[in-house]
Amino acid sequence: SETLCKPTIVQPLLDTNINEGEKLKLHAAINGHPEPEIIWYRNNIPLKNSRDLTLT
């Protein structure tokens, strides 16, 4: 049988400020078994899983 391991944050996010028109790349380092699913939210709404997402 497989050993289950709760998700743990390996590299926490840092507070970041950017100016309008600038790009931001977010990276989450999370371990766990089975592999955790990462979902990003903005204003409590899940964001589309995309390499290039524009927010206004």
N, C-alpha and C. Protein backbone atom coordinates (compact mmCIF):
# COMPACT_ATOMS: atom_id res chain seq x y z
N SER A 1 0.84 -1.19 0.00
CA SER A 1 0.00 0.00 0.00
C SER A 1 0.88 1.25 0.00
N GLU A 2 0.34 2.32 -0.57
CA GLU A 2 1.09 3.57 -0.66
C GLU A 2 0.95 4.37 0.64
N THR A 3 2.01 5.07 0.98
CA THR A 3 2.00 5.93 2.15
C THR A 3 1.42 7.29 1.76
N LEU A 4 0.42 7.76 2.49
CA LEU A 4 -0.15 9.07 2.24
C LEU A 4 0.64 10.12 3.00
N CYS A 5 0.78 11.28 2.40
CA CYS A 5 1.52 12.38 3.03
C CYS A 5 0.76 13.67 2.76
N LYS A 6 0.35 14.37 3.83
CA LYS A 6 -0.43 15.59 3.65
C LYS A 6 0.38 16.64 2.89
N PRO A 7 -0.29 17.54 2.16
CA PRO A 7 0.41 18.59 1.43
C PRO A 7 1.17 19.52 2.38
N THR A 8 2.39 19.84 2.01
CA THR A 8 3.19 20.80 2.76
C THR A 8 3.78 21.81 1.79
N ILE A 9 3.81 23.06 2.20
CA ILE A 9 4.37 24.12 1.36
C ILE A 9 5.88 24.12 1.56
N VAL A 10 6.60 23.87 0.48
CA VAL A 10 8.06 23.81 0.51
C VAL A 10 8.66 25.20 0.33
N GLN A 11 8.06 25.98 -0.57
CA GLN A 11 8.53 27.34 -0.84
C GLN A 11 7.32 28.27 -0.79
N PRO A 12 7.17 29.04 0.29
CA PRO A 12 5.99 29.91 0.40
C PRO A 12 6.06 31.07 -0.60
N LEU A 13 4.89 31.60 -0.93
CA LEU A 13 4.82 32.77 -1.81
C LEU A 13 5.28 34.00 -1.06
N LEU A 14 5.83 34.94 -1.80
CA LEU A 14 6.27 36.21 -1.23
C LEU A 14 5.30 37.30 -1.63
N ASP A 15 5.11 38.30 -0.77
CA ASP A 15 4.30 39.46 -1.14
C ASP A 15 4.97 40.15 -2.31
N THR A 16 4.19 40.48 -3.33
CA THR A 16 4.74 41.07 -4.54
C THR A 16 3.83 42.18 -5.02
N ASN A 17 4.43 43.29 -5.42
CA ASN A 17 3.70 44.39 -6.04
C ASN A 17 4.25 44.60 -7.44
N ILE A 18 3.35 44.77 -8.41
CA ILE A 18 3.78 45.06 -9.77
C ILE A 18 2.95 46.23 -10.28
N ASN A 19 3.47 46.90 -11.30
CA ASN A 19 2.75 48.00 -11.92
C ASN A 19 1.91 47.47 -13.08
N GLU A 20 0.87 48.21 -13.42
CA GLU A 20 0.00 47.82 -14.54
C GLU A 20 0.84 47.59 -15.79
N GLY A 21 0.57 46.50 -16.47
CA GLY A 21 1.30 46.16 -17.69
C GLY A 21 2.50 45.27 -17.46
N GLU A 22 2.95 45.15 -16.21
CA GLU A 22 4.09 44.27 -15.91
C GLU A 22 3.63 42.83 -15.79
N LYS A 23 4.56 41.92 -16.01
CA LYS A 23 4.26 40.50 -15.90
C LYS A 23 4.67 39.97 -14.53
N LEU A 24 3.94 38.96 -14.09
CA LEU A 24 4.22 38.31 -12.81
C LEU A 24 4.15 36.81 -13.02
N LYS A 25 5.14 36.11 -12.53
CA LYS A 25 5.15 34.66 -12.60
C LYS A 25 5.04 34.11 -11.19
N LEU A 26 4.02 33.29 -10.94
CA LEU A 26 3.82 32.68 -9.64
C LEU A 26 4.26 31.23 -9.69
N HIS A 27 4.92 30.80 -8.64
CA HIS A 27 5.40 29.43 -8.56
C HIS A 27 5.09 28.89 -7.17
N ALA A 28 4.49 27.73 -7.13
CA ALA A 28 4.19 27.10 -5.85
C ALA A 28 4.97 25.80 -5.75
N ALA A 29 5.70 25.63 -4.68
CA ALA A 29 6.42 24.38 -4.43
C ALA A 29 5.73 23.68 -3.26
N ILE A 30 4.98 22.62 -3.59
CA ILE A 30 4.20 21.90 -2.60
C ILE A 30 4.44 20.41 -2.76
N ASN A 31 4.72 19.75 -1.65
CA ASN A 31 4.92 18.30 -1.66
C ASN A 31 3.71 17.62 -1.03
N GLY A 32 3.50 16.38 -1.41
CA GLY A 32 2.44 15.57 -0.82
C GLY A 32 2.22 14.32 -1.65
N HIS A 33 1.55 13.35 -1.05
CA HIS A 33 1.24 12.13 -1.80
C HIS A 33 -0.15 11.66 -1.41
N PRO A 34 -1.06 11.55 -2.37
CA PRO A 34 -0.83 11.77 -3.79
C PRO A 34 -0.51 13.24 -4.08
N GLU A 35 0.04 13.51 -5.26
CA GLU A 35 0.46 14.87 -5.62
C GLU A 35 -0.72 15.83 -5.50
N PRO A 36 -0.55 16.93 -4.74
CA PRO A 36 -1.65 17.88 -4.54
C PRO A 36 -1.99 18.62 -5.83
N GLU A 37 -3.26 18.98 -5.97
CA GLU A 37 -3.70 19.83 -7.07
C GLU A 37 -3.61 21.27 -6.59
N ILE A 38 -2.99 22.13 -7.40
CA ILE A 38 -2.84 23.54 -7.04
C ILE A 38 -3.84 24.35 -7.85
N ILE A 39 -4.64 25.15 -7.16
CA ILE A 39 -5.62 26.01 -7.82
C ILE A 39 -5.38 27.44 -7.35
N TRP A 40 -5.16 28.35 -8.29
CA TRP A 40 -4.97 29.76 -7.98
C TRP A 40 -6.32 30.46 -8.01
N TYR A 41 -6.51 31.40 -7.08
CA TYR A 41 -7.76 32.15 -6.98
C TYR A 41 -7.48 33.65 -7.03
N ARG A 42 -8.44 34.39 -7.57
CA ARG A 42 -8.43 35.85 -7.49
C ARG A 42 -9.84 36.27 -7.11
N ASN A 43 -9.96 36.99 -6.00
CA ASN A 43 -11.27 37.42 -5.48
C ASN A 43 -12.20 36.22 -5.31
N ASN A 44 -11.67 35.14 -4.75
CA ASN A 44 -12.42 33.91 -4.47
C ASN A 44 -12.93 33.19 -5.72
N ILE A 45 -12.39 33.54 -6.89
CA ILE A 45 -12.77 32.88 -8.14
C ILE A 45 -11.55 32.13 -8.67
N PRO A 46 -11.69 30.82 -8.97
CA PRO A 46 -10.54 30.08 -9.48
C PRO A 46 -10.11 30.60 -10.85
N LEU A 47 -8.80 30.70 -11.04
CA LEU A 47 -8.24 31.15 -12.32
C LEU A 47 -8.07 29.96 -13.25
N LYS A 48 -8.14 30.23 -14.56
CA LYS A 48 -7.91 29.18 -15.55
C LYS A 48 -6.46 28.73 -15.46
N ASN A 49 -6.25 27.44 -15.65
CA ASN A 49 -4.89 26.90 -15.65
C ASN A 49 -4.27 27.22 -17.00
N SER A 50 -3.41 28.23 -17.04
CA SER A 50 -2.85 28.71 -18.29
C SER A 50 -1.44 29.22 -18.07
N ARG A 51 -0.62 29.09 -19.10
CA ARG A 51 0.74 29.63 -19.03
C ARG A 51 0.73 31.14 -19.23
N ASP A 52 -0.29 31.67 -19.89
CA ASP A 52 -0.36 33.10 -20.19
C ASP A 52 -1.77 33.59 -19.87
N LEU A 53 -1.92 34.21 -18.71
CA LEU A 53 -3.23 34.66 -18.25
C LEU A 53 -3.17 36.16 -18.03
N THR A 54 -4.14 36.88 -18.58
CA THR A 54 -4.20 38.33 -18.42
C THR A 54 -5.35 38.67 -17.48
N LEU A 55 -5.04 39.45 -16.44
CA LEU A 55 -6.05 39.90 -15.48
C LEU A 55 -6.21 41.41 -15.60
N THR A 56 -7.43 41.87 -15.44
CA THR A 56 -7.66 43.31 -15.51
C THR A 56 -8.35 43.77 -14.25
